């Protein structure tokens, strides 16, 4: 099997998955990074927090896009939540447990488990 075959197979399997499940997977991966690095004061934690920042900035961009089909009130709530996450990240000592909890709740909500 070549790399091209692997990429095609991955693309086909991803295309068959529900977009919300795919989004939840991205959030879970970022959350795993936070969880794995939460007791580290060095580069691993900095990288995990930076990944979380990129996640929430990307989510905000998508939520503010006029073509986004989520209900307006839901989008506004998620943008507000995202800004709270970003304020926490920008603080002198981010509460990693808070970041993990928020991410987990959003991922669960995406797949209808909450």
C-alpha atoms as a PDB file:
ATOM      1  CA  UNK A   1       0.000   0.000   0.000  1.00  0.00           C
ATOM      2  CA  UNK A   2       1.404   3.399  -0.982  1.00  0.00           C
ATOM      3  CA  UNK A   3       1.100   6.687   0.883  1.00  0.00           C
ATOM      4  CA  UNK A   4      -1.420   7.845  -1.724  1.00  0.00           C
ATOM      5  CA  UNK A   5      -3.542   4.740  -1.004  1.00  0.00           C
ATOM      6  CA  UNK A   6      -3.440   5.471   2.715  1.00  0.00           C
ATOM      7  CA  UNK A   7      -4.412   9.115   2.183  1.00  0.00           C
ATOM      8  CA  UNK A   8      -7.330   8.079  -0.082  1.00  0.00           C
ATOM      9  CA  UNK A   9      -8.509   5.500   2.455  1.00  0.00           C
ATOM     10  CA  UNK A  10      -8.336   8.036   5.288  1.00  0.00           C
ATOM     11  CA  UNK A  11     -10.202  10.604   3.204  1.00  0.00           C
ATOM     12  CA  UNK A  12     -12.923   8.096   2.383  1.00  0.00           C
ATOM     13  CA  UNK A  13     -13.344   7.074   6.013  1.00  0.00           C
ATOM     14  CA  UNK A  14     -13.397  10.709   7.164  1.00  0.00           C
ATOM     15  CA  UNK A  15     -15.942  11.661   4.522  1.00  0.00           C
ATOM     16  CA  UNK A  16     -18.259   8.942   5.783  1.00  0.00           C
ATOM     17  CA  UNK A  17     -18.112  10.241   9.365  1.00  0.00           C
ATOM     18  CA  UNK A  18     -20.466  12.829  10.769  1.00  0.00           C
ATOM     19  CA  UNK A  19     -18.866  16.317  10.695  1.00  0.00           C
ATOM     20  CA  UNK A  20     -19.803  16.926  14.335  1.00  0.00           C
ATOM     21  CA  UNK A  21     -18.019  13.720  15.340  1.00  0.00           C
ATOM     22  CA  UNK A  22     -14.961  14.872  13.397  1.00  0.00           C
ATOM     23  CA  UNK A  23     -15.068  18.245  15.172  1.00  0.00           C
ATOM     24  CA  UNK A  24     -15.434  16.514  18.533  1.00  0.00           C
ATOM     25  CA  UNK A  25     -12.379  14.386  17.702  1.00  0.00           C
ATOM     26  CA  UNK A  26     -10.297  17.505  17.080  1.00  0.00           C
ATOM     27  CA  UNK A  27     -11.380  18.945  20.422  1.00  0.00           C
ATOM     28  CA  UNK A  28     -10.648  15.620  22.154  1.00  0.00           C
ATOM     29  CA  UNK A  29      -7.131  15.534  20.679  1.00  0.00           C
ATOM     30  CA  UNK A  30      -6.385  19.052  21.897  1.00  0.00           C
ATOM     31  CA  UNK A  31      -7.848  18.144  25.287  1.00  0.00           C
ATOM     32  CA  UNK A  32      -5.677  15.023  25.447  1.00  0.00           C
ATOM     33  CA  UNK A  33      -2.641  17.265  24.918  1.00  0.00           C
ATOM     34  CA  UNK A  34      -3.725  19.514  27.781  1.00  0.00           C
ATOM     35  CA  UNK A  35      -4.354  16.555  30.050  1.00  0.00           C
ATOM     36  CA  UNK A  36      -1.020  14.930  29.202  1.00  0.00           C
ATOM     37  CA  UNK A  37       0.916  18.155  29.843  1.00  0.00           C
ATOM     38  CA  UNK A  38      -1.021  19.644  32.758  1.00  0.00           C
ATOM     39  CA  UNK A  39       1.681  18.842  35.336  1.00  0.00           C
ATOM     40  CA  UNK A  40       4.507  20.036  33.101  1.00  0.00           C
ATOM     41  CA  UNK A  41       5.812  23.576  33.433  1.00  0.00           C
ATOM     42  CA  UNK A  42       7.830  23.477  30.229  1.00  0.00           C
ATOM     43  CA  UNK A  43       7.429  23.279  26.491  1.00  0.00           C
ATOM     44  CA  UNK A  44       4.844  20.474  26.511  1.00  0.00           C
ATOM     45  CA  UNK A  45       2.387  22.589  28.485  1.00  0.00           C
ATOM     46  CA  UNK A  46       3.140  25.683  26.409  1.00  0.00           C
ATOM     47  CA  UNK A  47       2.497  23.693  23.225  1.00  0.00           C
ATOM     48  CA  UNK A  48      -0.752  22.217  24.578  1.00  0.00           C
ATOM     49  CA  UNK A  49      -2.042  25.640  25.634  1.00  0.00           C
ATOM     50  CA  UNK A  50      -1.032  27.105  22.241  1.00  0.00           C
ATOM     51  CA  UNK A  51      -2.900  24.280  20.493  1.00  0.00           C
ATOM     52  CA  UNK A  52      -5.956  25.060  22.617  1.00  0.00           C
ATOM     53  CA  UNK A  53      -5.686  28.742  21.669  1.00  0.00           C
ATOM     54  CA  UNK A  54      -5.548  27.847  17.959  1.00  0.00           C
ATOM     55  CA  UNK A  55      -8.559  25.559  18.387  1.00  0.00           C
ATOM     56  CA  UNK A  56     -10.701  28.266  19.976  1.00  0.00           C
ATOM     57  CA  UNK A  57      -9.578  30.958  17.526  1.00  0.00           C
ATOM     58  CA  UNK A  58     -10.493  28.651  14.629  1.00  0.00           C
ATOM     59  CA  UNK A  59     -13.841  27.864  16.246  1.00  0.00           C
ATOM     60  CA  UNK A  60     -14.570  31.568  16.723  1.00  0.00           C
ATOM     61  CA  UNK A  61     -13.747  32.261  13.091  1.00  0.00           C
ATOM     62  CA  UNK A  62     -16.120  29.498  11.989  1.00  0.00           C
ATOM     63  CA  UNK A  63     -18.839  30.643  14.377  1.00  0.00           C
ATOM     64  CA  UNK A  64     -18.657  34.246  13.163  1.00  0.00           C
ATOM     65  CA  UNK A  65     -18.853  33.227   9.517  1.00  0.00           C
ATOM     66  CA  UNK A  66     -22.216  34.412   8.132  1.00  0.00           C
ATOM     67  CA  UNK A  67     -22.678  31.087   6.352  1.00  0.00           C
ATOM     68  CA  UNK A  68     -22.525  29.159   9.636  1.00  0.00           C
ATOM     69  CA  UNK A  69     -25.832  27.303   9.980  1.00  0.00           C
ATOM     70  CA  UNK A  70     -25.957  26.978  13.755  1.00  0.00           C
ATOM     71  CA  UNK A  71     -28.696  29.002  15.427  1.00  0.00           C
ATOM     72  CA  UNK A  72     -27.588  32.559  16.176  1.00  0.00           C
ATOM     73  CA  UNK A  73     -28.058  32.199  19.935  1.00  0.00           C
ATOM     74  CA  UNK A  74     -25.954  29.020  20.029  1.00  0.00           C
ATOM     75  CA  UNK A  75     -23.189  30.640  17.991  1.00  0.00           C
ATOM     76  CA  UNK A  76     -23.186  33.666  20.295  1.00  0.00           C
ATOM     77  CA  UNK A  77     -22.965  31.433  23.359  1.00  0.00           C
ATOM     78  CA  UNK A  78     -20.063  29.461  21.929  1.00  0.00           C
ATOM     79  CA  UNK A  79     -18.231  32.652  20.924  1.00  0.00           C
ATOM     80  CA  UNK A  80     -18.717  33.965  24.455  1.00  0.00           C
ATOM     81  CA  UNK A  81     -17.443  30.692  25.900  1.00  0.00           C
ATOM     82  CA  UNK A  82     -14.455  30.782  23.553  1.00  0.00           C
ATOM     83  CA  UNK A  83     -13.572  34.290  24.647  1.00  0.00           C
ATOM     84  CA  UNK A  84     -13.675  33.159  28.283  1.00  0.00           C
ATOM     85  CA  UNK A  85     -11.287  30.336  27.348  1.00  0.00           C
ATOM     86  CA  UNK A  86      -8.968  32.789  25.604  1.00  0.00           C
ATOM     87  CA  UNK A  87      -9.024  35.145  28.626  1.00  0.00           C
ATOM     88  CA  UNK A  88      -8.087  32.196  30.827  1.00  0.00           C
ATOM     89  CA  UNK A  89      -5.248  31.260  28.474  1.00  0.00           C
ATOM     90  CA  UNK A  90      -3.996  34.860  28.502  1.00  0.00           C
ATOM     91  CA  UNK A  91      -3.901  34.950  32.303  1.00  0.00           C
ATOM     92  CA  UNK A  92      -0.674  34.602  34.262  1.00  0.00           C
ATOM     93  CA  UNK A  93      -1.366  30.968  35.168  1.00  0.00           C
ATOM     94  CA  UNK A  94      -4.134  29.346  33.103  1.00  0.00           C
ATOM     95  CA  UNK A  95      -6.388  26.906  34.922  1.00  0.00           C
ATOM     96  CA  UNK A  96      -5.730  23.795  32.847  1.00  0.00           C
ATOM     97  CA  UNK A  97      -8.550  21.882  34.552  1.00  0.00           C
ATOM     98  CA  UNK A  98     -10.992  24.610  33.460  1.00  0.00           C
ATOM     99  CA  UNK A  99      -9.727  24.404  29.864  1.00  0.00           C
ATOM    100  CA  UNK A 100     -10.050  20.615  29.888  1.00  0.00           C
ATOM    101  CA  UNK A 101     -13.567  20.751  31.341  1.00  0.00           C
ATOM    102  CA  UNK A 102     -14.786  23.295  28.791  1.00  0.00           C
ATOM    103  CA  UNK A 103     -13.323  21.304  25.903  1.00  0.00           C
ATOM    104  CA  UNK A 104     -14.833  18.052  27.158  1.00  0.00           C
ATOM    105  CA  UNK A 105     -18.268  19.633  27.572  1.00  0.00           C
ATOM    106  CA  UNK A 106     -18.201  21.093  24.052  1.00  0.00           C
ATOM    107  CA  UNK A 107     -16.993  17.814  22.520  1.00  0.00           C
ATOM    108  CA  UNK A 108     -19.747  15.922  24.342  1.00  0.00           C
ATOM    109  CA  UNK A 109     -22.341  18.449  23.219  1.00  0.00           C
ATOM    110  CA  UNK A 110     -21.276  18.115  19.593  1.00  0.00           C
ATOM    111  CA  UNK A 111     -22.130  14.435  19.513  1.00  0.00           C
ATOM    112  CA  UNK A 112     -25.341  14.795  21.494  1.00  0.00           C
ATOM    113  CA  UNK A 113     -24.070  13.203  24.670  1.00  0.00           C
ATOM    114  CA  UNK A 114     -24.796  16.051  26.994  1.00  0.00           C
END
